[in-house]
Protein backbone atom coordinates (compact mmCIF):
# COMPACT_ATOMS: atom_id res chain seq x y z
CA UNK A 1 38.65 -73.56 4.86
CA UNK A 2 36.80 -71.04 6.58
CA UNK A 3 36.84 -67.30 6.40
CA UNK A 4 37.93 -64.80 8.67
CA UNK A 5 34.57 -62.57 9.15
CA UNK A 6 37.07 -60.26 10.41
CA UNK A 7 37.53 -57.90 7.11
CA UNK A 8 33.40 -57.88 6.87
CA UNK A 9 33.33 -56.78 10.42
CA UNK A 10 35.88 -53.70 9.37
CA UNK A 11 34.36 -52.76 6.17
CA UNK A 12 30.84 -53.31 7.87
CA UNK A 13 32.64 -50.86 10.64
CA UNK A 14 33.87 -48.47 8.41
CA UNK A 15 30.75 -47.90 6.22
CA UNK A 16 28.69 -46.89 9.77
CA UNK A 17 31.33 -44.69 10.91
CA UNK A 18 31.03 -42.91 7.51
CA UNK A 19 27.35 -42.90 7.77
CA UNK A 20 27.49 -41.21 11.09
CA UNK A 21 30.23 -39.17 9.92
CA UNK A 22 27.20 -37.95 7.39
CA UNK A 23 24.44 -37.56 9.58
CA UNK A 24 26.56 -35.59 11.98
CA UNK A 25 27.88 -33.26 8.84
CA UNK A 26 24.32 -32.67 8.11
CA UNK A 27 23.04 -31.98 11.13
CA UNK A 28 25.58 -29.77 11.70
CA UNK A 29 25.01 -27.53 8.80
CA UNK A 30 21.44 -28.63 6.45
CA UNK A 31 19.33 -29.79 9.28
CA UNK A 32 20.94 -27.76 11.87
CA UNK A 33 19.73 -24.49 13.19
CA UNK A 34 20.84 -22.20 10.80
CA UNK A 35 20.37 -24.54 7.99
CA UNK A 36 17.01 -24.08 8.49
CA UNK A 37 16.95 -20.83 8.48
CA UNK A 38 19.41 -20.70 5.52
CA UNK A 39 16.53 -22.44 3.77
CA UNK A 40 13.82 -20.21 4.90
CA UNK A 41 16.27 -16.92 3.31
CA UNK A 42 16.80 -19.05 0.05
CA UNK A 43 13.32 -19.32 -0.44
CA UNK A 44 13.03 -16.03 -0.32
CA UNK A 45 15.67 -14.68 -2.50
CA UNK A 46 13.91 -17.28 -4.68
CA UNK A 47 10.52 -15.34 -4.95
CA UNK A 48 8.71 -18.59 -3.39
CA UNK A 49 6.19 -17.47 -0.83
CA UNK A 50 4.14 -20.62 -0.83
CA UNK A 51 7.95 -22.13 -0.03
CA UNK A 52 8.55 -19.92 3.10
CA UNK A 53 4.70 -19.58 4.42
CA UNK A 54 5.37 -23.94 4.73
CA UNK A 55 8.26 -23.33 7.42
CA UNK A 56 7.52 -24.71 10.68
CA UNK A 57 6.63 -21.73 13.24
CA UNK A 58 5.42 -19.62 10.04
CA UNK A 59 2.26 -18.34 11.70
CA UNK A 60 0.17 -15.71 9.77
CA UNK A 61 -2.71 -14.14 12.10
CA UNK A 62 -6.01 -14.98 10.64
CA UNK A 63 -7.27 -10.99 11.71
CA UNK A 64 -4.31 -9.41 9.47
CA UNK A 65 -4.12 -8.75 5.87
CA UNK A 66 -1.86 -10.94 3.84
CA UNK A 67 -2.21 -9.15 0.54
CA UNK A 68 1.46 -8.72 0.04
CA UNK A 69 2.46 -12.23 1.35
CA UNK A 70 2.45 -13.53 -2.09
CA UNK A 71 5.57 -14.55 -4.75
CA UNK A 72 5.04 -11.18 -6.65
CA UNK A 73 5.73 -8.83 -3.13
CA UNK A 74 9.12 -10.45 -2.41
CA UNK A 75 12.25 -8.91 -3.58
CA UNK A 76 15.81 -7.43 -3.04
CA UNK A 77 17.66 -10.62 -0.65
CA UNK A 78 20.93 -11.85 -1.69
CA UNK A 79 24.03 -12.84 -0.67
CA UNK A 80 23.33 -14.85 2.44
CA UNK A 81 25.82 -15.35 4.67
CA UNK A 82 25.83 -17.06 8.02
CA UNK A 83 27.20 -14.49 11.12
CA UNK A 84 26.52 -16.82 14.87
CA UNK A 85 24.49 -19.91 15.87
CA UNK A 86 24.33 -19.00 19.12
CA UNK A 87 22.27 -21.58 21.65
CA UNK A 88 20.27 -20.01 24.82
CA UNK A 89 18.59 -22.08 26.30
CA UNK A 90 15.73 -24.05 24.67
CA UNK A 91 16.53 -21.98 21.56
CA UNK A 92 19.24 -20.90 19.25
CA UNK A 93 19.61 -17.14 17.77
CA UNK A 94 20.89 -17.32 14.36
CA UNK A 95 22.09 -13.67 12.67
CA UNK A 96 22.52 -13.63 9.23
CA UNK A 97 23.66 -10.92 6.55
CA UNK A 98 22.98 -10.41 4.06
CA UNK A 99 22.09 -7.28 0.97
CA UNK A 100 19.03 -6.23 0.16
CA UNK A 101 18.94 -4.24 -3.16
CA UNK A 102 22.15 -3.82 -2.62
CA UNK A 103 22.18 -2.42 0.97
CA UNK A 104 24.00 -4.87 4.15
CA UNK A 105 21.81 -5.84 6.56
CA UNK A 106 21.48 -8.13 9.48
CA UNK A 107 18.37 -10.15 10.56
CA UNK A 108 17.91 -11.66 14.05
CA UNK A 109 15.94 -15.47 14.44
CA UNK A 110 14.89 -17.54 16.72
CA UNK A 111 14.42 -20.93 16.05
CA UNK A 112 14.05 -24.37 18.90
CA UNK A 113 14.60 -27.91 18.13
CA UNK A 114 11.28 -29.78 17.19
CA UNK A 115 12.53 -33.48 17.24
CA UNK A 116 14.35 -35.41 14.27
CA UNK A 117 13.67 -37.35 11.37
CA UNK A 118 13.57 -40.67 10.80
CA UNK A 119 15.32 -40.51 14.18
CA UNK A 120 18.67 -38.86 12.72
CA UNK A 121 17.96 -35.55 11.27
CA UNK A 122 17.41 -32.48 13.16
CA UNK A 123 14.10 -30.47 13.15
CA UNK A 124 13.27 -27.07 13.99
CA UNK A 125 10.81 -24.53 13.63
CA UNK A 126 10.59 -20.48 14.02
CA UNK A 127 10.37 -20.00 18.15
CA UNK A 128 9.06 -16.53 16.61
CA UNK A 129 7.52 -15.98 12.88
CA UNK A 130 10.12 -14.46 10.29
CA UNK A 131 6.98 -11.67 9.67
CA UNK A 132 7.34 -7.73 10.07
CA UNK A 133 4.18 -5.66 8.58
CA UNK A 134 4.73 -2.24 6.67
CA UNK A 135 2.25 0.68 6.74
CA UNK A 136 1.88 2.91 4.04
CA UNK A 137 0.00 6.02 3.85
CA UNK A 138 -0.86 8.09 0.58
CA UNK A 139 -1.73 11.44 0.45
CA UNK A 140 -4.27 11.38 -2.11
CA UNK A 141 -5.40 7.87 -2.36
CA UNK A 142 -6.12 4.86 -0.44
CA UNK A 143 -3.89 2.23 -2.51
CA UNK A 144 -0.24 2.20 -3.83
CA UNK A 145 1.50 -1.23 -5.15
CA UNK A 146 4.47 -2.98 -3.27
CA UNK A 147 6.92 -4.48 -5.52
CA UNK A 148 3.76 -4.42 -8.58
CA UNK A 149 1.58 -6.01 -6.01
CA UNK A 150 -1.56 -3.50 -5.12
CA UNK A 151 -2.60 -3.01 -1.53
CA UNK A 152 -4.54 -1.21 0.59
CA UNK A 153 -3.23 2.38 2.08
CA UNK A 154 -3.77 3.45 5.74
CA UNK A 155 -3.05 0.14 7.88
CA UNK A 156 -0.73 -2.58 8.93
CA UNK A 157 0.19 -5.24 6.21
CA UNK A 158 1.74 -8.34 6.35
CA UNK A 159 5.24 -8.99 5.19
CA UNK A 160 7.88 -11.60 5.26
CA UNK A 161 11.37 -10.42 6.72
CA UNK A 162 13.82 -9.63 5.80
CA UNK A 163 12.37 -7.72 2.47
CA UNK A 164 12.80 -4.62 0.28
CA UNK A 165 9.29 -3.00 -0.75
CA UNK A 166 9.36 -0.73 -3.16
CA UNK A 167 6.19 1.42 -2.36
CA UNK A 168 5.06 3.91 -5.53
CA UNK A 169 1.12 4.79 -6.50
CA UNK A 170 0.71 4.96 -10.58
CA UNK A 171 -1.99 5.70 -12.48
CA UNK A 172 -3.97 7.62 -15.10
CA UNK A 173 -4.68 9.86 -12.71
CA UNK A 174 -1.45 10.11 -10.01
CA UNK A 175 2.11 9.21 -10.08
CA UNK A 176 4.47 9.24 -6.80
CA UNK A 177 8.31 8.86 -6.38
CA UNK A 178 8.99 5.46 -5.16
CA UNK A 179 9.68 4.84 -1.73
CA UNK A 180 11.92 1.56 -0.53
CA UNK A 181 11.02 -0.29 2.92
CA UNK A 182 13.00 -2.30 4.30
CA UNK A 183 11.77 -5.14 6.44
CA UNK A 184 14.39 -6.52 8.47
CA UNK A 185 13.60 -6.96 12.13
CA UNK A 186 11.19 -9.50 13.02
CA UNK A 187 7.80 -8.29 14.59
CA UNK A 188 8.48 -4.19 13.77
CA UNK A 189 6.06 -2.20 12.13
CA UNK A 190 7.97 -0.36 9.58
CA UNK A 191 6.29 3.22 8.31
CA UNK A 192 6.84 4.61 5.14
CA UNK A 193 4.39 8.10 3.57
CA UNK A 194 4.41 9.12 -0.04
CA UNK A 195 3.19 11.93 -2.15
CA UNK A 196 0.40 11.50 -4.93
CA UNK A 197 0.69 14.28 -7.46
CA UNK A 198 -1.76 14.34 -9.91
CA UNK A 199 -1.30 13.36 -13.77
CA UNK A 200 -2.38 16.42 -16.88
CA UNK A 201 -5.22 13.63 -17.18
CA UNK A 202 -6.27 13.89 -13.77
CA UNK A 203 -6.46 17.81 -14.08
CA UNK A 204 -8.65 17.20 -16.98
CA UNK A 205 -10.73 14.75 -15.59
CA UNK A 206 -11.26 16.96 -12.73
CA UNK A 207 -12.13 20.15 -15.06
CA UNK A 208 -15.01 17.69 -16.61
CA UNK A 209 -15.81 16.77 -13.47
CA UNK A 210 -16.78 20.43 -11.54
CA UNK A 211 -18.10 21.25 -15.58
CA UNK A 212 -20.39 18.45 -15.34
CA UNK A 213 -21.54 19.91 -11.41
CA UNK A 214 -21.89 23.62 -12.18
CA UNK A 215 -23.83 22.28 -15.09
CA UNK A 216 -26.41 20.32 -12.83
CA UNK A 217 -26.12 23.67 -10.26
CA UNK A 218 -27.59 25.72 -13.25
CA UNK A 219 -30.85 23.84 -13.85
CA UNK A 220 -31.59 24.63 -10.20
CA UNK A 221 -34.44 27.78 -11.21
CA UNK A 222 -33.97 28.61 -7.79
CA UNK A 223 -31.87 32.25 -6.39
CA UNK A 224 -29.64 29.83 -4.26
CA UNK A 225 -28.91 26.82 -5.84
CA UNK A 226 -28.55 23.81 -3.14
CA UNK A 227 -24.98 22.33 -3.07
CA UNK A 228 -23.49 24.89 -5.20
CA UNK A 229 -20.76 27.43 -5.41
CA UNK A 230 -23.07 30.53 -6.29
CA UNK A 231 -26.23 32.27 -5.76
CA UNK A 232 -27.98 35.76 -5.14
CA UNK A 233 -29.64 37.66 -2.88
CA UNK A 234 -32.81 40.11 -3.78
CA UNK A 235 -34.96 42.07 -1.21
CA UNK A 236 -37.31 42.77 -3.60
CA UNK A 237 -39.98 40.00 -5.29
CA UNK A 238 -39.20 37.72 -8.18
CA UNK A 239 -41.22 37.54 -11.03
CA UNK A 240 -41.26 33.90 -11.87
CA UNK A 241 -38.29 31.44 -12.19
CA UNK A 242 -34.68 32.64 -12.41
CA UNK A 243 -33.03 31.76 -15.09
CA UNK A 244 -28.95 30.70 -14.61
CA UNK A 245 -26.42 29.78 -17.50
CA UNK A 246 -22.97 28.57 -17.31
CA UNK A 247 -20.65 31.21 -19.00
CA UNK A 248 -17.16 29.29 -18.34
CA UNK A 249 -16.10 27.20 -16.80
CA UNK A 250 -13.60 27.10 -14.58
CA UNK A 251 -9.77 25.62 -14.54
CA UNK A 252 -8.94 23.97 -11.54
CA UNK A 253 -5.78 23.54 -9.27
CA UNK A 254 -5.73 20.41 -7.59
CA UNK A 255 -4.08 19.54 -4.11
CA UNK A 256 -4.99 16.11 -1.51
CA UNK A 257 -7.37 16.92 0.84
CA UNK A 258 -7.57 15.79 4.25
CA UNK A 259 -10.10 12.55 4.03
CA UNK A 260 -8.32 9.47 1.98
CA UNK A 261 -8.75 9.36 -1.63
CA UNK A 262 -10.18 12.89 -1.69
CA UNK A 263 -8.67 16.08 -3.46
CA UNK A 264 -9.35 19.81 -3.33
CA UNK A 265 -9.80 21.60 -6.36
CA UNK A 266 -9.52 25.33 -6.44
CA UNK A 267 -11.19 26.75 -9.24
CA UNK A 268 -10.91 30.18 -11.40
CA UNK A 269 -11.80 31.64 -14.39
CA UNK A 270 -15.67 30.13 -14.29
CA UNK A 271 -18.49 32.90 -15.05
CA UNK A 272 -22.51 32.04 -14.50
CA UNK A 273 -25.23 34.27 -15.40
CA UNK A 274 -28.26 34.93 -13.98
CA UNK A 275 -31.68 37.21 -15.46
CA UNK A 276 -34.31 37.15 -13.50
CA UNK A 277 -37.65 39.71 -13.02
CA UNK A 278 -37.38 41.35 -9.85
CA UNK A 279 -40.80 43.53 -8.82
CA UNK A 280 -39.85 46.30 -6.72
CA UNK A 281 -42.29 46.25 -3.16
CA UNK A 282 -41.98 49.67 -2.62
CA UNK A 283 -44.19 50.82 -6.17
CA UNK A 284 -44.72 47.21 -7.90
CA UNK A 285 -42.03 48.32 -11.10
CA UNK A 286 -40.30 45.79 -12.60
CA UNK A 287 -36.92 45.59 -14.22
CA UNK A 288 -34.60 43.21 -15.65
CA UNK A 289 -31.89 41.76 -13.93
CA UNK A 290 -28.57 40.60 -15.64
CA UNK A 291 -25.54 39.40 -13.79
CA UNK A 292 -22.40 37.49 -13.84
CA UNK A 293 -20.50 35.68 -10.95
CA UNK A 294 -17.60 33.94 -10.71
CA UNK A 295 -18.02 30.55 -9.89
CA UNK A 296 -14.12 29.42 -9.44
CA UNK A 297 -14.99 27.73 -6.03
CA UNK A 298 -13.55 25.16 -3.92
CA UNK A 299 -14.40 21.30 -5.12
CA UNK A 300 -14.06 18.58 -3.04
CA UNK A 301 -13.20 15.46 -5.16
CA UNK A 302 -13.19 11.66 -4.75
CA UNK A 303 -11.21 9.39 -7.14
CA UNK A 304 -13.44 6.13 -7.23
CA UNK A 305 -13.31 2.89 -8.50
CA UNK A 306 -11.92 2.26 -12.04
CA UNK A 307 -10.25 5.80 -11.36
CA UNK A 308 -14.16 8.00 -11.78
CA UNK A 309 -13.56 11.44 -10.66
CA UNK A 310 -16.89 12.61 -8.30
CA UNK A 311 -16.92 16.33 -7.06
CA UNK A 312 -19.02 15.75 -3.28
CA UNK A 313 -19.54 19.05 -2.38
CA UNK A 314 -18.67 22.81 -3.66
CA UNK A 315 -18.20 26.11 -1.52
CA UNK A 316 -17.57 29.81 -3.11
CA UNK A 317 -13.93 31.27 -2.39
CA UNK A 318 -14.03 33.91 0.01
């Protein structure tokens, strides 16, 4: 007795219909334009920079600094929610809301359809690379940290957008109040400035550097030591070599200078002594001169590698 193939055809049709419905559902969600963007945002939420950078259309210009395109620099994004997915010609405009350190933010992405996978599932790419830039200036230093990652100050740095970047600078010598920079608009550059304050260690290191500088100045057996914040003028002839001694070292007050990573140390309380023998041009008599001078001075300091402090130049205060 021959069985009718109809039940099997019905089962097959149902399987095909179910598969088709599944594919349609996946293309409307996981493999949709907004599903593509959501997956990218979830990579940021997991702090997985490599995965985020691997999304189609994420292009990192070779000429720009990528210091902050790392796991450790990511942070702050959560509560990701789709707002809209609108077709705009060959592209989709996708808007997502989310929180950055508890602040509500919105970012708009442009994505384009690139084909299908296995002939079934849509593939997408960012039409505009989801990168932004932050530029941080630091009064008194050339570096800062963003979410704990060390970076160079004073020039734009690429970041994955959106993201919240807590920037500060805390070392043995310097400390700053942290500032949060929110990079929420693709292609934009967010600018921030932080003001470094000297620590007690920096003040002590600066005073040591000034003291060493004055000691070196005192070895010059001339009336006006080169590059030093003191000197003596004598109209008569000097017999022998002048002798300078540092009798007390100045204390200093620090403030950022105009040049990056330099500081101005204004000294007070320092004294150098001078002894010399002078022969009169009028009558040939000789006399012993012993005098003291203030060497508070103004000193330009540089912070070098390893937090070393060096005196670049010194001038006498008026």
